[in-house]
PDB file of all heavy atoms in Angstrom:
ATOM      1  N   ALA A   1     -26.712  54.735  43.530  1.00  0.00           N
ATOM      2  CA  ALA A   1     -27.472  53.563  44.064  1.00  0.00           C
ATOM      3  C   ALA A   1     -27.212  52.275  43.034  1.00  0.00           C
ATOM      4  O   ALA A   1     -26.963  51.231  43.486  1.00  0.00           O
ATOM      5  CB  ALA A   1     -28.942  53.760  44.132  1.00  0.00           C
ATOM      6  N   VAL A   2     -27.254  52.664  41.773  1.00  0.00           N
ATOM      7  CA  VAL A   2     -27.026  51.530  40.802  1.00  0.00           C
ATOM      8  C   VAL A   2     -25.564  50.897  41.106  1.00  0.00           C
ATOM      9  O   VAL A   2     -25.384  49.728  41.037  1.00  0.00           O
ATOM     10  CB  VAL A   2     -27.141  52.043  39.361  1.00  0.00           C
ATOM     11  CG1 VAL A   2     -26.635  50.996  38.352  1.00  0.00           C
ATOM     12  CG2 VAL A   2     -28.585  52.387  39.042  1.00  0.00           C
ATOM     13  N   ARG A   3     -24.572  51.818  41.160  1.00  0.00           N
ATOM     14  CA  ARG A   3     -23.103  51.321  41.252  1.00  0.00           C
ATOM     15  C   ARG A   3     -23.075  50.605  42.634  1.00  0.00           C
ATOM     16  O   ARG A   3     -22.298  49.602  42.696  1.00  0.00           O
ATOM     17  CB  ARG A   3     -22.197  52.519  41.275  1.00  0.00           C
ATOM     18  CG  ARG A   3     -22.026  53.112  39.935  1.00  0.00           C
ATOM     19  CD  ARG A   3     -21.455  52.070  38.906  1.00  0.00           C
ATOM     20  NE  ARG A   3     -22.036  52.302  37.598  1.00  0.00           N
ATOM     21  CZ  ARG A   3     -22.440  51.483  36.751  1.00  0.00           C
ATOM     22  NH1 ARG A   3     -22.425  50.093  37.027  1.00  0.00           N
ATOM     23  NH2 ARG A   3     -22.881  51.727  35.535  1.00  0.00           N
ATOM     24  N   LEU A   4     -23.674  51.055  43.704  1.00  0.00           N
ATOM     25  CA  LEU A   4     -23.644  50.167  44.967  1.00  0.00           C
ATOM     26  C   LEU A   4     -24.254  48.794  44.785  1.00  0.00           C
ATOM     27  O   LEU A   4     -23.644  47.850  45.199  1.00  0.00           O
ATOM     28  CB  LEU A   4     -24.362  50.914  46.068  1.00  0.00           C
ATOM     29  CG  LEU A   4     -24.366  50.209  47.470  1.00  0.00           C
ATOM     30  CD1 LEU A   4     -22.924  50.049  47.972  1.00  0.00           C
ATOM     31  CD2 LEU A   4     -25.231  51.141  48.365  1.00  0.00           C
ATOM     32  N   LEU A   5     -25.361  48.800  44.107  1.00  0.00           N
ATOM     33  CA  LEU A   5     -25.978  47.408  43.815  1.00  0.00           C
ATOM     34  C   LEU A   5     -25.044  46.490  42.945  1.00  0.00           C
ATOM     35  O   LEU A   5     -24.949  45.284  43.123  1.00  0.00           O
ATOM     36  CB  LEU A   5     -27.442  47.607  43.249  1.00  0.00           C
ATOM     37  CG  LEU A   5     -28.485  48.051  44.173  1.00  0.00           C
ATOM     38  CD1 LEU A   5     -29.750  48.151  43.452  1.00  0.00           C
ATOM     39  CD2 LEU A   5     -28.565  47.146  45.409  1.00  0.00           C
ATOM     40  N   CYS A   6     -24.563  47.110  41.877  1.00  0.00           N
ATOM     41  CA  CYS A   6     -23.654  46.512  40.979  1.00  0.00           C
ATOM     42  C   CYS A   6     -22.438  45.802  41.655  1.00  0.00           C
ATOM     43  O   CYS A   6     -22.079  44.770  41.415  1.00  0.00           O
ATOM     44  CB  CYS A   6     -23.189  47.352  39.811  1.00  0.00           C
ATOM     45  SG  CYS A   6     -24.558  47.574  38.589  1.00  0.00           S
ATOM     46  N   ALA A   7     -21.889  46.576  42.610  1.00  0.00           N
ATOM     47  CA  ALA A   7     -20.654  46.158  43.314  1.00  0.00           C
ATOM     48  C   ALA A   7     -21.012  45.031  44.384  1.00  0.00           C
ATOM     49  O   ALA A   7     -20.005  44.451  44.739  1.00  0.00           O
ATOM     50  CB  ALA A   7     -20.077  47.469  44.045  1.00  0.00           C
ATOM     51  N   THR A   8     -22.137  44.956  44.810  1.00  0.00           N
ATOM     52  CA  THR A   8     -22.490  44.065  45.854  1.00  0.00           C
ATOM     53  C   THR A   8     -23.328  42.815  45.464  1.00  0.00           C
ATOM     54  O   THR A   8     -23.627  41.928  46.174  1.00  0.00           O
ATOM     55  CB  THR A   8     -23.159  44.785  47.053  1.00  0.00           C
ATOM     56  OG1 THR A   8     -24.390  45.298  46.657  1.00  0.00           O
ATOM     57  CG2 THR A   8     -22.250  45.803  47.659  1.00  0.00           C
ATOM     58  N   THR A   9     -23.816  42.831  44.202  1.00  0.00           N
ATOM     59  CA  THR A   9     -24.589  41.699  43.772  1.00  0.00           C
ATOM     60  C   THR A   9     -23.597  40.643  43.122  1.00  0.00           C
ATOM     61  O   THR A   9     -22.552  40.703  43.064  1.00  0.00           O
ATOM     62  CB  THR A   9     -25.755  42.147  42.772  1.00  0.00           C
ATOM     63  OG1 THR A   9     -26.659  41.183  42.651  1.00  0.00           O
ATOM     64  CG2 THR A   9     -25.208  42.534  41.397  1.00  0.00           C
ATOM     65  N   GLN A  10     -24.224  39.541  42.678  1.00  0.00           N
ATOM     66  CA  GLN A  10     -23.491  38.468  42.150  1.00  0.00           C
ATOM     67  C   GLN A  10     -22.738  38.867  40.973  1.00  0.00           C
ATOM     68  O   GLN A  10     -23.037  39.833  40.177  1.00  0.00           O
ATOM     69  CB  GLN A  10     -24.473  37.281  41.737  1.00  0.00           C
ATOM     70  CG  GLN A  10     -25.191  36.677  42.832  1.00  0.00           C
ATOM     71  CD  GLN A  10     -26.219  35.686  42.493  1.00  0.00           C
ATOM     72  OE1 GLN A  10     -26.553  35.501  41.263  1.00  0.00           O
ATOM     73  NE2 GLN A  10     -26.646  34.843  43.359  1.00  0.00           N
ATOM     74  N   ALA A  11     -21.636  38.125  40.674  1.00  0.00           N
ATOM     75  CA  ALA A  11     -20.847  38.274  39.463  1.00  0.00           C
ATOM     76  C   ALA A  11     -21.545  37.958  38.254  1.00  0.00           C
ATOM     77  O   ALA A  11     -22.462  37.077  38.293  1.00  0.00           O
ATOM     78  CB  ALA A  11     -19.507  37.446  39.538  1.00  0.00           C
ATOM     79  N   ASN A  12     -21.131  38.622  37.152  1.00  0.00           N
ATOM     80  CA  ASN A  12     -21.674  38.154  35.820  1.00  0.00           C
ATOM     81  C   ASN A  12     -20.835  37.080  35.311  1.00  0.00           C
ATOM     82  O   ASN A  12     -19.557  37.301  35.217  1.00  0.00           O
ATOM     83  CB  ASN A  12     -21.532  39.431  34.885  1.00  0.00           C
ATOM     84  CG  ASN A  12     -21.957  39.203  33.502  1.00  0.00           C
ATOM     85  OD1 ASN A  12     -21.130  38.925  32.571  1.00  0.00           O
ATOM     86  ND2 ASN A  12     -23.218  39.086  33.174  1.00  0.00           N
ATOM     87  N   ARG A  13     -21.333  36.011  35.034  1.00  0.00           N
ATOM     88  CA  ARG A  13     -20.685  34.766  34.531  1.00  0.00           C
ATOM     89  C   ARG A  13     -21.063  34.363  33.281  1.00  0.00           C
ATOM     90  O   ARG A  13     -22.275  34.277  32.985  1.00  0.00           O
ATOM     91  CB  ARG A  13     -20.805  33.556  35.551  1.00  0.00           C
ATOM     92  CG  ARG A  13     -20.050  33.836  36.945  1.00  0.00           C
ATOM     93  CD  ARG A  13     -20.179  32.722  37.825  1.00  0.00           C
ATOM     94  NE  ARG A  13     -20.357  31.391  37.157  1.00  0.00           N
ATOM     95  CZ  ARG A  13     -21.132  30.465  37.563  1.00  0.00           C
ATOM     96  NH1 ARG A  13     -21.809  30.608  38.575  1.00  0.00           N
ATOM     97  NH2 ARG A  13     -21.279  29.414  36.763  1.00  0.00           N
ATOM     98  N   PHE A  14     -20.167  34.037  32.260  1.00  0.00           N
ATOM     99  CA  PHE A  14     -20.595  33.644  30.964  1.00  0.00           C
ATOM    100  C   PHE A  14     -19.550  32.690  30.472  1.00  0.00           C
ATOM    101  O   PHE A  14     -18.362  32.590  30.978  1.00  0.00           O
ATOM    102  CB  PHE A  14     -20.801  34.849  30.032  1.00  0.00           C
ATOM    103  CG  PHE A  14     -19.496  35.722  29.958  1.00  0.00           C
ATOM    104  CD1 PHE A  14     -18.532  35.425  28.954  1.00  0.00           C
ATOM    105  CD2 PHE A  14     -19.365  36.774  30.736  1.00  0.00           C
ATOM    106  CE1 PHE A  14     -17.418  36.179  28.784  1.00  0.00           C
ATOM    107  CE2 PHE A  14     -18.239  37.540  30.646  1.00  0.00           C
ATOM    108  CZ  PHE A  14     -17.257  37.239  29.677  1.00  0.00           C
ATOM    109  N   GLU A  15     -19.930  31.946  29.455  1.00  0.00           N
ATOM    110  CA  GLU A  15     -19.041  31.059  28.678  1.00  0.00           C
ATOM    111  C   GLU A  15     -18.905  31.437  27.294  1.00  0.00           C
ATOM    112  O   GLU A  15     -19.776  31.811  26.583  1.00  0.00           O
ATOM    113  CB  GLU A  15     -19.757  29.628  28.720  1.00  0.00           C
ATOM    114  CG  GLU A  15     -18.918  28.500  27.993  1.00  0.00           C
ATOM    115  CD  GLU A  15     -19.659  27.214  28.091  1.00  0.00           C
ATOM    116  OE1 GLU A  15     -20.735  27.152  27.380  1.00  0.00           O
ATOM    117  OE2 GLU A  15     -19.162  26.324  28.708  1.00  0.00           O
ATOM    118  N   THR A  16     -17.553  31.724  27.096  1.00  0.00           N
ATOM    119  CA  THR A  16     -17.220  32.128  25.640  1.00  0.00           C
ATOM    120  C   THR A  16     -17.006  30.920  24.707  1.00  0.00           C
ATOM    121  O   THR A  16     -16.363  29.967  25.115  1.00  0.00           O
ATOM    122  CB  THR A  16     -15.942  33.034  25.673  1.00  0.00           C
ATOM    123  OG1 THR A  16     -16.208  34.120  26.529  1.00  0.00           O
ATOM    124  CG2 THR A  16     -15.723  33.617  24.331  1.00  0.00           C
ATOM    125  N   VAL A  17     -17.589  31.057  23.538  1.00  0.00           N
ATOM    126  CA  VAL A  17     -17.439  29.914  22.583  1.00  0.00           C
ATOM    127  C   VAL A  17     -16.881  30.470  21.289  1.00  0.00           C
ATOM    128  O   VAL A  17     -17.265  31.486  20.749  1.00  0.00           O
ATOM    129  CB  VAL A  17     -18.802  29.203  22.270  1.00  0.00           C
ATOM    130  CG1 VAL A  17     -18.719  28.189  21.256  1.00  0.00           C
ATOM    131  CG2 VAL A  17     -19.428  28.641  23.554  1.00  0.00           C
ATOM    132  N   THR A  18     -15.818  29.783  20.712  1.00  0.00           N
ATOM    133  CA  THR A  18     -15.273  30.050  19.455  1.00  0.00           C
ATOM    134  C   THR A  18     -15.457  28.829  18.563  1.00  0.00           C
ATOM    135  O   THR A  18     -14.848  27.787  19.103  1.00  0.00           O
ATOM    136  CB  THR A  18     -13.770  30.512  19.570  1.00  0.00           C
ATOM    137  OG1 THR A  18     -13.740  31.586  20.439  1.00  0.00           O
ATOM    138  CG2 THR A  18     -13.268  30.881  18.286  1.00  0.00           C
ATOM    139  N   ALA A  19     -16.097  28.963  17.521  1.00  0.00           N
ATOM    140  CA  ALA A  19     -16.320  27.655  16.712  1.00  0.00           C
ATOM    141  C   ALA A  19     -15.521  27.989  15.324  1.00  0.00           C
ATOM    142  O   ALA A  19     -15.647  28.990  14.717  1.00  0.00           O
ATOM    143  CB  ALA A  19     -17.788  27.479  16.425  1.00  0.00           C
ATOM    144  N   MET A  20     -14.786  26.969  14.952  1.00  0.00           N
ATOM    145  CA  MET A  20     -14.084  26.969  13.687  1.00  0.00           C
ATOM    146  C   MET A  20     -14.801  26.047  12.729  1.00  0.00           C
ATOM    147  O   MET A  20     -14.835  24.857  13.058  1.00  0.00           O
ATOM    148  CB  MET A  20     -12.577  26.527  13.800  1.00  0.00           C
ATOM    149  CG  MET A  20     -11.801  27.336  14.846  1.00  0.00           C
ATOM    150  SD  MET A  20     -11.496  28.958  14.412  1.00  0.00           S
ATOM    151  CE  MET A  20     -10.252  28.867  13.247  1.00  0.00           C
ATOM    152  N   LEU A  21     -15.416  26.621  11.670  1.00  0.00           N
ATOM    153  CA  LEU A  21     -16.226  25.780  10.834  1.00  0.00           C
ATOM    154  C   LEU A  21     -15.440  25.734   9.391  1.00  0.00           C
ATOM    155  O   LEU A  21     -15.103  26.760   8.835  1.00  0.00           O
ATOM    156  CB  LEU A  21     -17.623  26.480  10.624  1.00  0.00           C
ATOM    157  CG  LEU A  21     -18.338  26.658  11.957  1.00  0.00           C
ATOM    158  CD1 LEU A  21     -19.439  27.615  11.663  1.00  0.00           C
ATOM    159  CD2 LEU A  21     -18.793  25.402  12.618  1.00  0.00           C
ATOM    160  N   ASP A  22     -15.362  24.496   8.854  1.00  0.00           N
ATOM    161  CA  ASP A  22     -14.730  24.254   7.616  1.00  0.00           C
ATOM    162  C   ASP A  22     -15.901  23.896   6.575  1.00  0.00           C
ATOM    163  O   ASP A  22     -16.680  23.135   6.781  1.00  0.00           O
ATOM    164  CB  ASP A  22     -13.791  23.119   7.633  1.00  0.00           C
ATOM    165  CG  ASP A  22     -12.529  23.389   8.491  1.00  0.00           C
ATOM    166  OD1 ASP A  22     -12.033  24.578   8.341  1.00  0.00           O
ATOM    167  OD2 ASP A  22     -12.161  22.595   9.320  1.00  0.00           O
ATOM    168  N   CYS A  23     -15.817  24.565   5.409  1.00  0.00           N
ATOM    169  CA  CYS A  23     -16.734  24.422   4.404  1.00  0.00           C
ATOM    170  C   CYS A  23     -16.029  24.505   3.068  1.00  0.00           C
ATOM    171  O   CYS A  23     -15.593  25.640   2.627  1.00  0.00           O
ATOM    172  CB  CYS A  23     -17.936  25.425   4.568  1.00  0.00           C
ATOM    173  SG  CYS A  23     -19.089  25.242   3.344  1.00  0.00           S
ATOM    174  N   GLN A  24     -15.885  23.393   2.407  1.00  0.00           N
ATOM    175  CA  GLN A  24     -15.388  23.292   1.112  1.00  0.00           C
ATOM    176  C   GLN A  24     -13.990  24.094   0.950  1.00  0.00           C
ATOM    177  O   GLN A  24     -13.702  24.828   0.136  1.00  0.00           O
ATOM    178  CB  GLN A  24     -16.290  23.979  -0.042  1.00  0.00           C
ATOM    179  CG  GLN A  24     -17.529  22.995  -0.109  1.00  0.00           C
ATOM    180  CD  GLN A  24     -18.418  23.396  -1.368  1.00  0.00           C
ATOM    181  OE1 GLN A  24     -18.011  24.299  -2.120  1.00  0.00           O
ATOM    182  NE2 GLN A  24     -19.431  22.686  -1.439  1.00  0.00           N
ATOM    183  N   GLY A  25     -13.124  23.791   1.911  1.00  0.00           N
ATOM    184  CA  GLY A  25     -11.879  24.400   1.917  1.00  0.00           C
ATOM    185  C   GLY A  25     -11.676  25.743   2.542  1.00  0.00           C
ATOM    186  O   GLY A  25     -10.614  26.312   2.647  1.00  0.00           O
ATOM    187  N   TYR A  26     -12.753  26.349   3.018  1.00  0.00           N
ATOM    188  CA  TYR A  26     -12.643  27.636   3.628  1.00  0.00           C
ATOM    189  C   TYR A  26     -12.939  27.412   5.124  1.00  0.00           C
ATOM    190  O   TYR A  26     -13.788  26.584   5.424  1.00  0.00           O
ATOM    191  CB  TYR A  26     -13.698  28.617   3.098  1.00  0.00           C
ATOM    192  CG  TYR A  26     -13.462  28.998   1.599  1.00  0.00           C
ATOM    193  CD1 TYR A  26     -14.019  28.432   0.635  1.00  0.00           C
ATOM    194  CD2 TYR A  26     -12.480  29.942   1.386  1.00  0.00           C
ATOM    195  CE1 TYR A  26     -13.835  28.661  -0.724  1.00  0.00           C
ATOM    196  CE2 TYR A  26     -12.220  30.365   0.006  1.00  0.00           C
ATOM    197  CZ  TYR A  26     -12.928  29.708  -0.951  1.00  0.00           C
ATOM    198  OH  TYR A  26     -12.543  30.035  -2.328  1.00  0.00           O
ATOM    199  N   THR A  27     -12.277  28.215   5.904  1.00  0.00           N
ATOM    200  CA  THR A  27     -12.490  28.035   7.451  1.00  0.00           C
ATOM    201  C   THR A  27     -13.172  29.386   7.773  1.00  0.00           C
ATOM    202  O   THR A  27     -12.784  30.515   7.566  1.00  0.00           O
ATOM    203  CB  THR A  27     -11.147  28.053   8.172  1.00  0.00           C
ATOM    204  OG1 THR A  27     -10.510  26.841   7.746  1.00  0.00           O
ATOM    205  CG2 THR A  27     -11.413  27.812   9.661  1.00  0.00           C
ATOM    206  N   PHE A  28     -14.301  29.245   8.554  1.00  0.00           N
ATOM    207  CA  PHE A  28     -15.047  30.377   9.084  1.00  0.00           C
ATOM    208  C   PHE A  28     -15.104  30.321  10.592  1.00  0.00           C
ATOM    209  O   PHE A  28     -14.938  29.169  11.192  1.00  0.00           O
ATOM    210  CB  PHE A  28     -16.580  30.249   8.573  1.00  0.00           C
ATOM    211  CG  PHE A  28     -16.685  30.289   7.044  1.00  0.00           C
ATOM    212  CD1 PHE A  28     -16.684  29.196   6.436  1.00  0.00           C
ATOM    213  CD2 PHE A  28     -16.794  31.644   6.519  1.00  0.00           C
ATOM    214  CE1 PHE A  28     -16.902  29.250   5.002  1.00  0.00           C
ATOM    215  CE2 PHE A  28     -16.979  31.729   5.160  1.00  0.00           C
ATOM    216  CZ  PHE A  28     -17.061  30.391   4.361  1.00  0.00           C
ATOM    217  N   THR A  29     -14.990  31.333  11.134  1.00  0.00           N
ATOM    218  CA  THR A  29     -14.948  31.532  12.639  1.00  0.00           C
ATOM    219  C   THR A  29     -16.238  32.172  13.182  1.00  0.00           C
ATOM    220  O   THR A  29     -16.607  33.205  12.650  1.00  0.00           O
ATOM    221  CB  THR A  29     -13.704  32.358  13.093  1.00  0.00           C
ATOM    222  OG1 THR A  29     -12.569  31.618  12.532  1.00  0.00           O
ATOM    223  CG2 THR A  29     -13.644  32.397  14.605  1.00  0.00           C
ATOM    224  N   ALA A  30     -16.809  31.597  14.181  1.00  0.00           N
ATOM    225  CA  ALA A  30     -18.039  32.187  14.882  1.00  0.00           C
ATOM    226  C   ALA A  30     -17.710  32.184  16.288  1.00  0.00           C
ATOM    227  O   ALA A  30     -17.196  31.378  16.884  1.00  0.00           O
ATOM    228  CB  ALA A  30     -19.259  31.257  14.520  1.00  0.00           C
ATOM    229  N   ARG A  31     -18.045  33.360  16.852  1.00  0.00           N
ATOM    230  CA  ARG A  31     -17.766  33.609  18.366  1.00  0.00           C
ATOM    231  C   ARG A  31     -19.094  34.039  19.054  1.00  0.00           C
ATOM    232  O   ARG A  31     -19.890  34.770  18.369  1.00  0.00           O
ATOM    233  CB  ARG A  31     -16.723  34.766  18.546  1.00  0.00           C
ATOM    234  CG  ARG A  31     -15.458  34.388  18.159  1.00  0.00           C
ATOM    235  CD  ARG A  31     -14.378  35.495  18.409  1.00  0.00           C
ATOM    236  NE  ARG A  31     -13.039  35.142  18.005  1.00  0.00           N
ATOM    237  CZ  ARG A  31     -12.465  35.429  16.942  1.00  0.00           C
ATOM    238  NH1 ARG A  31     -13.264  35.925  15.945  1.00  0.00           N
ATOM    239  NH2 ARG A  31     -11.351  34.937  16.561  1.00  0.00           N
ATOM    240  N   GLY A  32     -19.210  33.652  20.187  1.00  0.00           N
ATOM    241  CA  GLY A  32     -20.489  33.992  20.904  1.00  0.00           C
ATOM    242  C   GLY A  32     -20.284  33.634  22.330  1.00  0.00           C
ATOM    243  O   GLY A  32     -19.256  33.146  22.766  1.00  0.00           O
ATOM    244  N   LYS A  33     -21.173  33.952  23.207  1.00  0.00           N
ATOM    245  CA  LYS A  33     -21.165  33.615  24.575  1.00  0.00           C
ATOM    246  C   LYS A  33     -22.472  33.310  25.121  1.00  0.00           C
ATOM    247  O   LYS A  33     -23.535  33.798  24.538  1.00  0.00           O
ATOM    248  CB  LYS A  33     -20.421  34.636  25.336  1.00  0.00           C
ATOM    249  CG  LYS A  33     -21.248  36.066  25.566  1.00  0.00           C
ATOM    250  CD  LYS A  33     -20.358  37.017  26.362  1.00  0.00           C
ATOM    251  CE  LYS A  33     -20.998  38.406  26.375  1.00  0.00           C
ATOM    252  NZ  LYS A  33     -20.179  39.384  27.211  1.00  0.00           N
ATOM    253  N   THR A  34     -22.616  32.479  26.097  1.00  0.00           N
ATOM    254  CA  THR A  34     -23.723  32.020  26.851  1.00  0.00           C
ATOM    255  C   THR A  34     -23.677  32.632  28.167  1.00  0.00           C
ATOM    256  O   THR A  34     -22.684  32.397  28.980  1.00  0.00           O
ATOM    257  CB  THR A  34     -23.809  30.415  26.884  1.00  0.00           C
ATOM    258  OG1 THR A  34     -23.674  30.036  25.532  1.00  0.00           O
ATOM    259  CG2 THR A  34     -25.083  30.002  27.470  1.00  0.00           C
ATOM    260  N   ILE A  35     -24.658  33.283  28.600  1.00  0.00           N
ATOM    261  CA  ILE A  35     -24.799  33.899  29.979  1.00  0.00           C
ATOM    262  C   ILE A  35     -25.100  32.739  30.973  1.00  0.00           C
ATOM    263  O   ILE A  35     -26.185  32.095  30.745  1.00  0.00           O
ATOM    264  CB  ILE A  35     -25.753  35.060  30.061  1.00  0.00           C
ATOM    265  CG1 ILE A  35     -25.374  36.172  29.018  1.00  0.00           C
ATOM    266  CG2 ILE A  35     -25.877  35.572  31.460  1.00  0.00           C
ATOM    267  CD1 ILE A  35     -24.164  36.886  29.112  1.00  0.00           C
ATOM    268  N   LEU A  36     -24.283  32.464  31.937  1.00  0.00           N
ATOM    269  CA  LEU A  36     -24.586  31.478  32.924  1.00  0.00           C
ATOM    270  C   LEU A  36     -25.200  32.089  34.214  1.00  0.00           C
ATOM    271  O   LEU A  36     -26.053  31.570  34.744  1.00  0.00           O
ATOM    272  CB  LEU A  36     -23.265  30.880  33.349  1.00  0.00           C
ATOM    273  CG  LEU A  36     -22.408  30.218  32.230  1.00  0.00           C
ATOM    274  CD1 LEU A  36     -21.103  29.647  32.733  1.00  0.00           C
ATOM    275  CD2 LEU A  36     -23.210  29.117  31.560  1.00  0.00           C
ATOM    276  N   GLN A  37     -24.847  33.437  34.431  1.00  0.00           N
ATOM    277  CA  GLN A  37     -25.449  34.203  35.542  1.00  0.00           C
ATOM    278  C   GLN A  37     -25.298  35.660  35.303  1.00  0.00           C
ATOM    279  O   GLN A  37     -24.261  36.149  35.072  1.00  0.00           O
ATOM    280  CB  GLN A  37     -24.690  33.879  36.792  1.00  0.00           C
ATOM    281  CG  GLN A  37     -25.086  34.557  38.070  1.00  0.00           C
ATOM    282  CD  GLN A  37     -24.253  34.251  39.260  1.00  0.00           C
ATOM    283  OE1 GLN A  37     -24.227  33.006  39.720  1.00  0.00           O
ATOM    284  NE2 GLN A  37     -23.515  35.129  39.855  1.00  0.00           N
ATOM    285  N   SER A  38     -26.403  36.259  35.068  1.00  0.00           N
ATOM    286  CA  SER A  38     -26.469  37.773  34.740  1.00  0.00           C
ATOM    287  C   SER A  38     -25.816  38.551  35.841  1.00  0.00           C
ATOM    288  O   SER A  38     -25.121  39.504  35.475  1.00  0.00           O
ATOM    289  CB  SER A  38     -27.890  38.228  34.574  1.00  0.00           C
ATOM    290  OG  SER A  38     -28.457  37.511  33.432  1.00  0.00           O
ATOM    291  N   GLY A  39     -26.141  38.287  37.056  1.00  0.00           N
ATOM    292  CA  GLY A  39     -25.385  39.131  38.052  1.00  0.00           C
ATOM    293  C   GLY A  39     -25.555  40.581  37.925  1.00  0.00           C
ATOM    294  O   GLY A  39     -26.713  41.121  37.634  1.00  0.00           O
ATOM    295  N   TRP A  40     -24.513  41.350  38.149  1.00  0.00           N
ATOM    296  CA  TRP A  40     -24.529  42.853  38.215  1.00  0.00           C
ATOM    297  C   TRP A  40     -25.116  43.358  36.888  1.00  0.00           C
ATOM    298  O   TRP A  40     -25.560  44.434  36.722  1.00  0.00           O
ATOM    299  CB  TRP A  40     -23.226  43.422  38.593  1.00  0.00           C
ATOM    300  CG  TRP A  40     -22.201  43.118  37.661  1.00  0.00           C
ATOM    301  CD1 TRP A  40     -21.291  42.053  37.771  1.00  0.00           C
ATOM    302  CD2 TRP A  40     -21.697  43.868  36.515  1.00  0.00           C
ATOM    303  NE1 TRP A  40     -20.403  42.157  36.712  1.00  0.00           N
ATOM    304  CE2 TRP A  40     -20.537  43.240  36.054  1.00  0.00           C
ATOM    305  CE3 TRP A  40     -22.175  45.118  36.011  1.00  0.00           C
ATOM    306  CZ2 TRP A  40     -19.957  43.744  34.814  1.00  0.00           C
ATOM    307  CZ3 TRP A  40     -21.575  45.540  34.838  1.00  0.00           C
ATOM    308  CH2 TRP A  40     -20.391  44.846  34.348  1.00  0.00           C
TER     309      TRP A  40
END
């Protein structure tokens, strides 16, 4: 039942973000995502 609902409900949509942050000569990378639509 769960798989049937997952297969027929809305798609899971998200936005992926990669941030490059510079601090005193060092570069740091941060990754995350924002859910736009939870869907299945």
